[in-house]
Amino acid sequence: MSEILIKTEEQIEGIRQSGQLAGSALVMIGDYIKDGVDTDYLDKLIHEYILDHGAIPATLGYSGYPKSSCISLNEVVCHGIPSKETVLKPGDILNIDVTTILGGYFGDTSKMYTVGEVTNSAKKIIDVAKHCLDLGIQQVRPGNQFGNIGFVIGRYAKANRYSVVYEFCGHGVGIDFHEAPQVDHIARRNSGPMMQPGMIFTIEPMINEGRATTKVDKNDGWTARTSDGKLSAQYEHTILVTPDGFEVLTDVTGEYK
């Protein structure tokens, strides 16, 4: 396993600024989530916003990925590619995932949006996914083990009769897009490495209505859907381990202050 980087104060500040930009891009795009809007248009707005703030989108060109964000609708778990053909309609739920590179530092975050009125089942899975993220964040403190993040997420999701995607996970971030450690969202209690101040990583649980398994579109090699076509929801933040707990570096609304 690769070494988990302990970031310096200078690096932490750079990652914080990048994370704040990524978070503000998600706030900005919320005003444009409407019936009849295509996801390529949303991606272009995000792209321009990131460039206008002196940064670049980390996903654009990453391993051949063609867009500046990931926009995943309904049964798409993650890595949905924005397109003119994907048009929002009432009842849709969608995750938008943005990673910025500002001054060489990465900030990574995602959240759910709804189009018009959505079903009660859609509202519930969104709420559970958000609470799963919050439970995971509450586990972040020096001396705790990474497995406890996945343990509390898995326990809560199961209690609500949902499954947790295990084929994708959170990850260290900041200096590179993906660093150690792997942050699993379903794990054994008291397993994995110990958290230390200065570690920075994402928590990004993907919660499914049905089976936990996914299938990746053969046509584009990216879009991961639930294997049974049922809904999926996800939230993500970039988290710093502080000497006495955590700081959510991508929180721009003050929710975690």
C-alpha atoms as a PDB file:
ATOM      1  CA  MET A   1       0.000   0.000   0.000  1.00  0.00           C
ATOM      2  CA  SER A   2       1.247   3.489  -0.851  1.00  0.00           C
ATOM      3  CA  GLU A   3       2.123   5.826   1.971  1.00  0.00           C
ATOM      4  CA  ILE A   4      -0.656   8.166   3.117  1.00  0.00           C
ATOM      5  CA  LEU A   5       0.647  11.703   2.711  1.00  0.00           C
ATOM      6  CA  ILE A   6       0.660  14.093   5.660  1.00  0.00           C
ATOM      7  CA  LYS A   7       0.107  17.513   4.117  1.00  0.00           C
ATOM      8  CA  THR A   8       2.031  20.619   5.179  1.00  0.00           C
ATOM      9  CA  GLU A   9       0.242  23.815   6.253  1.00  0.00           C
ATOM     10  CA  GLU A  10       1.008  25.354   2.866  1.00  0.00           C
ATOM     11  CA  GLN A  11      -0.417  22.339   1.038  1.00  0.00           C
ATOM     12  CA  ILE A  12      -3.501  22.274   3.266  1.00  0.00           C
ATOM     13  CA  GLU A  13      -4.233  25.913   2.476  1.00  0.00           C
ATOM     14  CA  GLY A  14      -3.861  25.274  -1.262  1.00  0.00           C
ATOM     15  CA  ILE A  15      -6.156  22.252  -1.103  1.00  0.00           C
ATOM     16  CA  ARG A  16      -8.636  24.246   0.998  1.00  0.00           C
ATOM     17  CA  GLN A  17      -8.799  26.993  -1.635  1.00  0.00           C
ATOM     18  CA  SER A  18      -9.268  24.455  -4.431  1.00  0.00           C
ATOM     19  CA  GLY A  19     -11.945  22.675  -2.397  1.00  0.00           C
ATOM     20  CA  GLN A  20     -13.801  25.919  -1.790  1.00  0.00           C
ATOM     21  CA  LEU A  21     -13.818  26.613  -5.532  1.00  0.00           C
ATOM     22  CA  ALA A  22     -15.157  23.131  -6.296  1.00  0.00           C
ATOM     23  CA  GLY A  23     -17.860  23.592  -3.673  1.00  0.00           C
ATOM     24  CA  SER A  24     -18.840  26.999  -5.012  1.00  0.00           C
ATOM     25  CA  ALA A  25     -19.156  25.532  -8.528  1.00  0.00           C
ATOM     26  CA  LEU A  26     -21.784  23.130  -7.174  1.00  0.00           C
ATOM     27  CA  VAL A  27     -23.676  26.025  -5.590  1.00  0.00           C
ATOM     28  CA  MET A  28     -23.513  28.017  -8.832  1.00  0.00           C
ATOM     29  CA  ILE A  29     -24.835  25.216 -11.032  1.00  0.00           C
ATOM     30  CA  GLY A  30     -27.888  24.654  -8.832  1.00  0.00           C
ATOM     31  CA  ASP A  31     -29.702  27.598 -10.444  1.00  0.00           C
ATOM     32  CA  TYR A  32     -29.514  25.884 -13.841  1.00  0.00           C
ATOM     33  CA  ILE A  33     -30.967  22.481 -12.873  1.00  0.00           C
ATOM     34  CA  LYS A  34     -34.290  22.676 -14.719  1.00  0.00           C
ATOM     35  CA  ASP A  35     -36.605  20.692 -16.951  1.00  0.00           C
ATOM     36  CA  GLY A  36     -35.383  20.775 -20.561  1.00  0.00           C
ATOM     37  CA  VAL A  37     -31.729  21.582 -19.822  1.00  0.00           C
ATOM     38  CA  ASP A  38     -29.166  19.172 -21.260  1.00  0.00           C
ATOM     39  CA  THR A  39     -26.214  18.019 -19.185  1.00  0.00           C
ATOM     40  CA  ASP A  40     -23.651  19.178 -21.743  1.00  0.00           C
ATOM     41  CA  TYR A  41     -24.874  22.744 -21.146  1.00  0.00           C
ATOM     42  CA  LEU A  42     -24.412  22.272 -17.392  1.00  0.00           C
ATOM     43  CA  ASP A  43     -20.906  20.943 -17.980  1.00  0.00           C
ATOM     44  CA  LYS A  44     -19.993  23.950 -20.132  1.00  0.00           C
ATOM     45  CA  LEU A  45     -21.158  26.317 -17.358  1.00  0.00           C
ATOM     46  CA  ILE A  46     -19.038  24.442 -14.819  1.00  0.00           C
ATOM     47  CA  HIS A  47     -16.051  24.466 -17.181  1.00  0.00           C
ATOM     48  CA  GLU A  48     -16.289  28.233 -17.708  1.00  0.00           C
ATOM     49  CA  TYR A  49     -16.776  28.888 -13.985  1.00  0.00           C
ATOM     50  CA  ILE A  50     -13.662  26.917 -13.069  1.00  0.00           C
ATOM     51  CA  LEU A  51     -11.544  28.638 -15.734  1.00  0.00           C
ATOM     52  CA  ASP A  52     -12.872  32.073 -14.739  1.00  0.00           C
ATOM     53  CA  HIS A  53     -11.574  31.429 -11.218  1.00  0.00           C
ATOM     54  CA  GLY A  54      -8.052  30.604 -12.344  1.00  0.00           C
ATOM     55  CA  ALA A  55      -8.327  26.824 -12.114  1.00  0.00           C
ATOM     56  CA  ILE A  56      -8.741  23.859 -14.441  1.00  0.00           C
ATOM     57  CA  PRO A  57     -11.166  20.911 -14.236  1.00  0.00           C
ATOM     58  CA  ALA A  58      -9.325  17.778 -13.129  1.00  0.00           C
ATOM     59  CA  THR A  59     -11.579  15.341 -14.984  1.00  0.00           C
ATOM     60  CA  LEU A  60     -11.089  16.874 -18.457  1.00  0.00           C
ATOM     61  CA  GLY A  61      -8.696  14.531 -20.249  1.00  0.00           C
ATOM     62  CA  TYR A  62      -8.119  12.379 -17.151  1.00  0.00           C
ATOM     63  CA  SER A  63      -7.494   8.861 -18.521  1.00  0.00           C
ATOM     64  CA  GLY A  64      -9.346  10.035 -21.627  1.00  0.00           C
ATOM     65  CA  TYR A  65     -12.442  11.334 -19.837  1.00  0.00           C
ATOM     66  CA  PRO A  66     -13.951  13.944 -22.206  1.00  0.00           C
ATOM     67  CA  LYS A  67     -15.743  16.428 -19.929  1.00  0.00           C
ATOM     68  CA  SER A  68     -15.162  18.880 -17.056  1.00  0.00           C
ATOM     69  CA  SER A  69     -17.597  17.229 -14.627  1.00  0.00           C
ATOM     70  CA  CYS A  70     -19.435  13.972 -14.056  1.00  0.00           C
ATOM     71  CA  ILE A  71     -23.234  14.217 -14.187  1.00  0.00           C
ATOM     72  CA  SER A  72     -25.028  11.019 -13.188  1.00  0.00           C
ATOM     73  CA  LEU A  73     -28.826  10.702 -13.508  1.00  0.00           C
ATOM     74  CA  ASN A  74     -31.180   8.312 -11.728  1.00  0.00           C
ATOM     75  CA  GLU A  75     -29.736   4.785 -12.103  1.00  0.00           C
ATOM     76  CA  VAL A  76     -26.265   6.082 -13.042  1.00  0.00           C
ATOM     77  CA  VAL A  77     -24.057   5.524  -9.997  1.00  0.00           C
ATOM     78  CA  CYS A  78     -21.086   7.632 -11.104  1.00  0.00           C
ATOM     79  CA  HIS A  79     -18.979   8.883 -14.035  1.00  0.00           C
ATOM     80  CA  GLY A  80     -21.960   9.905 -16.152  1.00  0.00           C
ATOM     81  CA  ILE A  81     -20.650  11.778 -19.198  1.00  0.00           C
ATOM     82  CA  PRO A  82     -22.489  15.057 -19.904  1.00  0.00           C
ATOM     83  CA  SER A  83     -24.104  15.169 -23.358  1.00  0.00           C
ATOM     84  CA  LYS A  84     -26.560  17.179 -25.431  1.00  0.00           C
ATOM     85  CA  GLU A  85     -28.716  14.037 -25.682  1.00  0.00           C
ATOM     86  CA  THR A  86     -29.166  13.767 -21.904  1.00  0.00           C
ATOM     87  CA  VAL A  87     -31.970  16.242 -21.185  1.00  0.00           C
ATOM     88  CA  LEU A  88     -33.344  16.807 -17.668  1.00  0.00           C
ATOM     89  CA  LYS A  89     -37.015  16.072 -17.080  1.00  0.00           C
ATOM     90  CA  PRO A  90     -39.318  16.368 -14.054  1.00  0.00           C
ATOM     91  CA  GLY A  91     -38.730  13.596 -11.533  1.00  0.00           C
ATOM     92  CA  ASP A  92     -35.034  13.155 -12.347  1.00  0.00           C
ATOM     93  CA  ILE A  93     -32.432  13.022  -9.623  1.00  0.00           C
ATOM     94  CA  LEU A  94     -28.810  13.697 -10.476  1.00  0.00           C
ATOM     95  CA  ASN A  95     -25.370  13.848  -8.938  1.00  0.00           C
ATOM     96  CA  ILE A  96     -22.848  16.416 -10.157  1.00  0.00           C
ATOM     97  CA  ASP A  97     -19.209  15.702  -9.303  1.00  0.00           C
ATOM     98  CA  VAL A  98     -16.589  18.451  -9.685  1.00  0.00           C
ATOM     99  CA  THR A  99     -12.847  18.298  -9.083  1.00  0.00           C
ATOM    100  CA  THR A 100     -10.771  21.451  -9.486  1.00  0.00           C
ATOM    101  CA  ILE A 101      -7.031  21.993  -9.815  1.00  0.00           C
ATOM    102  CA  LEU A 102      -6.153  25.412  -8.409  1.00  0.00           C
ATOM    103  CA  GLY A 103      -2.508  26.342  -8.002  1.00  0.00           C
ATOM    104  CA  GLY A 104      -1.634  22.678  -8.513  1.00  0.00           C
ATOM    105  CA  TYR A 105      -3.933  21.472  -5.707  1.00  0.00           C
ATOM    106  CA  PHE A 106      -7.043  19.285  -6.042  1.00  0.00           C
ATOM    107  CA  GLY A 107     -10.480  19.756  -4.453  1.00  0.00           C
ATOM    108  CA  ASP A 108     -13.148  17.103  -5.019  1.00  0.00           C
ATOM    109  CA  THR A 109     -16.870  17.231  -4.137  1.00  0.00           C
ATOM    110  CA  SER A 110     -20.295  16.165  -5.377  1.00  0.00           C
ATOM    111  CA  LYS A 111     -23.940  16.524  -4.426  1.00  0.00           C
ATOM    112  CA  MET A 112     -27.451  15.558  -5.460  1.00  0.00           C
ATOM    113  CA  TYR A 113     -30.034  17.713  -7.235  1.00  0.00           C
ATOM    114  CA  THR A 114     -33.670  17.158  -8.165  1.00  0.00           C
ATOM    115  CA  VAL A 115     -35.707  18.271 -11.179  1.00  0.00           C
ATOM    116  CA  GLY A 116     -39.204  19.429 -10.272  1.00  0.00           C
ATOM    117  CA  GLU A 117     -41.242  17.092  -8.100  1.00  0.00           C
ATOM    118  CA  VAL A 118     -39.602  13.729  -7.394  1.00  0.00           C
ATOM    119  CA  THR A 119     -41.040  10.583  -5.844  1.00  0.00           C
ATOM    120  CA  ASN A 120     -40.917   9.888  -2.124  1.00  0.00           C
ATOM    121  CA  SER A 121     -38.576   6.965  -2.784  1.00  0.00           C
ATOM    122  CA  ALA A 122     -36.209   9.312  -4.634  1.00  0.00           C
ATOM    123  CA  LYS A 123     -36.325  11.798  -1.763  1.00  0.00           C
ATOM    124  CA  LYS A 124     -35.592   9.041   0.721  1.00  0.00           C
ATOM    125  CA  ILE A 125     -32.517   7.637  -1.035  1.00  0.00           C
ATOM    126  CA  ILE A 126     -31.120  11.170  -1.407  1.00  0.00           C
ATOM    127  CA  ASP A 127     -31.636  11.822   2.305  1.00  0.00           C
ATOM    128  CA  VAL A 128     -30.058   8.509   3.275  1.00  0.00           C
ATOM    129  CA  ALA A 129     -27.033   9.113   1.012  1.00  0.00           C
ATOM    130  CA  LYS A 130     -26.489  12.526   2.619  1.00  0.00           C
ATOM    131  CA  HIS A 131     -26.777  11.091   6.122  1.00  0.00           C
ATOM    132  CA  CYS A 132     -24.342   8.316   5.187  1.00  0.00           C
ATOM    133  CA  LEU A 133     -21.799  10.976   4.222  1.00  0.00           C
ATOM    134  CA  ASP A 134     -22.402  12.866   7.459  1.00  0.00           C
ATOM    135  CA  LEU A 135     -21.994   9.710   9.549  1.00  0.00           C
ATOM    136  CA  GLY A 136     -18.727   8.957   7.763  1.00  0.00           C
ATOM    137  CA  ILE A 137     -17.433  12.485   8.349  1.00  0.00           C
ATOM    138  CA  GLN A 138     -18.201  12.194  12.077  1.00  0.00           C
ATOM    139  CA  GLN A 139     -15.734   9.300  12.240  1.00  0.00           C
ATOM    140  CA  VAL A 140     -12.829  11.508  11.127  1.00  0.00           C
ATOM    141  CA  ARG A 141     -10.431  12.200  13.992  1.00  0.00           C
ATOM    142  CA  PRO A 142      -6.839  11.342  14.887  1.00  0.00           C
ATOM    143  CA  GLY A 143      -6.402   7.796  16.119  1.00  0.00           C
ATOM    144  CA  ASN A 144      -9.562   6.412  14.541  1.00  0.00           C
ATOM    145  CA  GLN A 145      -9.289   3.765  11.828  1.00  0.00           C
ATOM    146  CA  PHE A 146     -10.480   4.288   8.269  1.00  0.00           C
ATOM    147  CA  GLY A 147     -12.647   1.162   8.351  1.00  0.00           C
ATOM    148  CA  ASN A 148     -14.963   2.821  10.854  1.00  0.00           C
ATOM    149  CA  ILE A 149     -16.083   5.242   8.129  1.00  0.00           C
ATOM    150  CA  GLY A 150     -17.371   2.377   6.010  1.00  0.00           C
ATOM    151  CA  PHE A 151     -18.717   0.529   9.036  1.00  0.00           C
ATOM    152  CA  VAL A 152     -21.112   3.299  10.099  1.00  0.00           C
ATOM    153  CA  ILE A 153     -22.135   4.021   6.491  1.00  0.00           C
ATOM    154  CA  GLY A 154     -22.867   0.376   5.774  1.00  0.00           C
ATOM    155  CA  ARG A 155     -24.802  -0.096   9.006  1.00  0.00           C
ATOM    156  CA  TYR A 156     -27.048   2.919   8.371  1.00  0.00           C
ATOM    157  CA  ALA A 157     -27.662   2.093   4.711  1.00  0.00           C
ATOM    158  CA  LYS A 158     -28.561  -1.501   5.566  1.00  0.00           C
ATOM    159  CA  ALA A 159     -30.917  -0.338   8.331  1.00  0.00           C
ATOM    160  CA  ASN A 160     -32.764   1.649   5.659  1.00  0.00           C
ATOM    161  CA  ARG A 161     -32.782  -1.332   3.275  1.00  0.00           C
ATOM    162  CA  TYR A 162     -30.285   0.133   0.841  1.00  0.00           C
ATOM    163  CA  SER A 163     -27.001  -1.282  -0.438  1.00  0.00           C
ATOM    164  CA  VAL A 164     -23.587   0.378  -0.552  1.00  0.00           C
ATOM    165  CA  VAL A 165     -21.510   0.316  -3.739  1.00  0.00           C
ATOM    166  CA  TYR A 166     -18.181  -1.398  -3.051  1.00  0.00           C
ATOM    167  CA  GLU A 167     -16.723  -1.226  -6.580  1.00  0.00           C
ATOM    168  CA  PHE A 168     -15.927   2.495  -6.175  1.00  0.00           C
ATOM    169  CA  CYS A 169     -14.518   4.199  -3.107  1.00  0.00           C
ATOM    170  CA  GLY A 170     -13.186   7.406  -1.581  1.00  0.00           C
ATOM    171  CA  HIS A 171      -9.503   8.234  -1.799  1.00  0.00           C
ATOM    172  CA  GLY A 172      -6.687  10.449  -0.668  1.00  0.00           C
ATOM    173  CA  VAL A 173      -6.596  13.706  -2.592  1.00  0.00           C
ATOM    174  CA  GLY A 174      -4.874  17.092  -2.747  1.00  0.00           C
ATOM    175  CA  ILE A 175      -1.460  16.725  -4.330  1.00  0.00           C
ATOM    176  CA  ASP A 176      -2.791  14.248  -6.882  1.00  0.00           C
ATOM    177  CA  PHE A 177      -6.317  13.413  -8.015  1.00  0.00           C
ATOM    178  CA  HIS A 178      -6.166   9.964  -6.423  1.00  0.00           C
ATOM    179  CA  GLU A 179      -3.801   9.128  -3.564  1.00  0.00           C
ATOM    180  CA  ALA A 180      -3.656   6.633  -0.701  1.00  0.00           C
ATOM    181  CA  PRO A 181      -5.638   5.628   1.235  1.00  0.00           C
ATOM    182  CA  GLN A 182      -8.569   3.842  -0.351  1.00  0.00           C
ATOM    183  CA  VAL A 183     -11.612   4.880   1.680  1.00  0.00           C
ATOM    184  CA  ASP A 184     -14.136   2.052   1.533  1.00  0.00           C
ATOM    185  CA  HIS A 185     -17.789   2.860   2.218  1.00  0.00           C
ATOM    186  CA  ILE A 186     -18.555  -0.562   3.584  1.00  0.00           C
ATOM    187  CA  ALA A 187     -15.951  -2.046   5.908  1.00  0.00           C
ATOM    188  CA  ARG A 188     -15.312  -3.958   9.106  1.00  0.00           C
ATOM    189  CA  ARG A 189     -15.297  -2.048  12.359  1.00  0.00           C
ATOM    190  CA  ASN A 190     -11.809  -1.067  13.609  1.00  0.00           C
ATOM    191  CA  SER A 191     -10.073  -2.028  10.365  1.00  0.00           C
ATOM    192  CA  GLY A 192      -7.676  -0.167   8.098  1.00  0.00           C
ATOM    193  CA  PRO A 193      -4.967   2.442   8.699  1.00  0.00           C
ATOM    194  CA  MET A 194      -5.040   4.966  11.526  1.00  0.00           C
ATOM    195  CA  MET A 195      -5.999   8.570  10.784  1.00  0.00           C
ATOM    196  CA  GLN A 196      -3.422  11.239  11.551  1.00  0.00           C
ATOM    197  CA  PRO A 197      -3.569  15.057  11.472  1.00  0.00           C
ATOM    198  CA  GLY A 198      -2.734  16.376   8.002  1.00  0.00           C
ATOM    199  CA  MET A 199      -4.302  13.515   6.063  1.00  0.00           C
ATOM    200  CA  ILE A 200      -6.789  14.616   3.389  1.00  0.00           C
ATOM    201  CA  PHE A 201      -9.220  12.313   1.608  1.00  0.00           C
ATOM    202  CA  THR A 202     -12.704  12.079   0.140  1.00  0.00           C
ATOM    203  CA  ILE A 203     -15.721  10.346   1.597  1.00  0.00           C
ATOM    204  CA  GLU A 204     -18.237   9.700  -1.196  1.00  0.00           C
ATOM    205  CA  PRO A 205     -20.730   6.911  -0.440  1.00  0.00           C
ATOM    206  CA  MET A 206     -22.818   5.656  -3.361  1.00  0.00           C
ATOM    207  CA  ILE A 207     -26.111   4.253  -2.093  1.00  0.00           C
ATOM    208  CA  ASN A 208     -28.331   1.989  -4.224  1.00  0.00           C
ATOM    209  CA  GLU A 209     -32.027   1.143  -3.968  1.00  0.00           C
ATOM    210  CA  GLY A 210     -31.402  -2.400  -5.130  1.00  0.00           C
ATOM    211  CA  ARG A 211     -28.260  -4.456  -5.586  1.00  0.00           C
ATOM    212  CA  ALA A 212     -24.853  -2.971  -4.767  1.00  0.00           C
ATOM    213  CA  THR A 213     -23.331  -4.062  -8.073  1.00  0.00           C
ATOM    214  CA  THR A 214     -22.783  -1.828 -11.085  1.00  0.00           C
ATOM    215  CA  LYS A 215     -22.200  -2.225 -14.797  1.00  0.00           C
ATOM    216  CA  VAL A 216     -20.085   0.130 -16.911  1.00  0.00           C
ATOM    217  CA  ASP A 217     -21.389   1.114 -20.347  1.00  0.00           C
ATOM    218  CA  LYS A 218     -19.365  -0.658 -23.022  1.00  0.00           C
ATOM    219  CA  ASN A 219     -19.956   2.212 -25.458  1.00  0.00           C
ATOM    220  CA  ASP A 220     -18.171   4.920 -23.454  1.00  0.00           C
ATOM    221  CA  GLY A 221     -16.179   2.906 -20.891  1.00  0.00           C
ATOM    222  CA  TRP A 222     -17.129   5.302 -18.070  1.00  0.00           C
ATOM    223  CA  THR A 223     -20.816   5.472 -17.209  1.00  0.00           C
ATOM    224  CA  ALA A 224     -21.476   3.130 -14.263  1.00  0.00           C
ATOM    225  CA  ARG A 225     -25.121   2.155 -13.739  1.00  0.00           C
ATOM    226  CA  THR A 226     -26.855   0.057 -11.124  1.00  0.00           C
ATOM    227  CA  SER A 227     -26.930  -3.529 -12.380  1.00  0.00           C
ATOM    228  CA  ASP A 228     -30.706  -3.733 -11.790  1.00  0.00           C
ATOM    229  CA  GLY A 229     -31.681  -0.278 -13.101  1.00  0.00           C
ATOM    230  CA  LYS A 230     -32.787   1.027  -9.706  1.00  0.00           C
ATOM    231  CA  LEU A 231     -31.933   4.475  -8.320  1.00  0.00           C
ATOM    232  CA  SER A 232     -28.577   5.475  -6.866  1.00  0.00           C
ATOM    233  CA  ALA A 233     -27.554   8.586  -4.889  1.00  0.00           C
ATOM    234  CA  GLN A 234     -24.222  10.009  -3.730  1.00  0.00           C
ATOM    235  CA  TYR A 235     -22.690  12.912  -1.838  1.00  0.00           C
ATOM    236  CA  GLU A 236     -18.971  13.696  -1.509  1.00  0.00           C
ATOM    237  CA  HIS A 237     -16.703  16.012   0.435  1.00  0.00           C
ATOM    238  CA  THR A 238     -12.946  16.429   0.804  1.00  0.00           C
ATOM    239  CA  ILE A 239     -11.977  16.083   4.481  1.00  0.00           C
ATOM    240  CA  LEU A 240      -8.893  17.120   6.465  1.00  0.00           C
ATOM    241  CA  VAL A 241      -7.955  15.323   9.682  1.00  0.00           C
ATOM    242  CA  THR A 242      -7.212  18.080  12.218  1.00  0.00           C
ATOM    243  CA  PRO A 243      -5.506  17.682  15.617  1.00  0.00           C
ATOM    244  CA  ASP A 244      -8.910  17.510  17.309  1.00  0.00           C
ATOM    245  CA  GLY A 245     -11.263  16.196  14.620  1.00  0.00           C
ATOM    246  CA  PHE A 246     -11.973  17.214  11.035  1.00  0.00           C
ATOM    247  CA  GLU A 247     -12.414  20.098   8.620  1.00  0.00           C
ATOM    248  CA  VAL A 248     -14.616  19.736   5.543  1.00  0.00           C
ATOM    249  CA  LEU A 249     -12.500  21.559   2.968  1.00  0.00           C
ATOM    250  CA  THR A 250     -15.249  21.604   0.316  1.00  0.00           C
ATOM    251  CA  ASP A 251     -17.956  22.985   2.630  1.00  0.00           C
ATOM    252  CA  VAL A 252     -18.903  26.449   1.325  1.00  0.00           C
ATOM    253  CA  THR A 253     -22.200  26.824   3.184  1.00  0.00           C
ATOM    254  CA  GLY A 254     -20.875  26.514   6.739  1.00  0.00           C
ATOM    255  CA  GLU A 255     -22.814  23.315   7.352  1.00  0.00           C
ATOM    256  CA  TYR A 256     -19.958  21.608   9.163  1.00  0.00           C
ATOM    257  CA  LYS A 257     -18.569  24.592  11.111  1.00  0.00           C
END
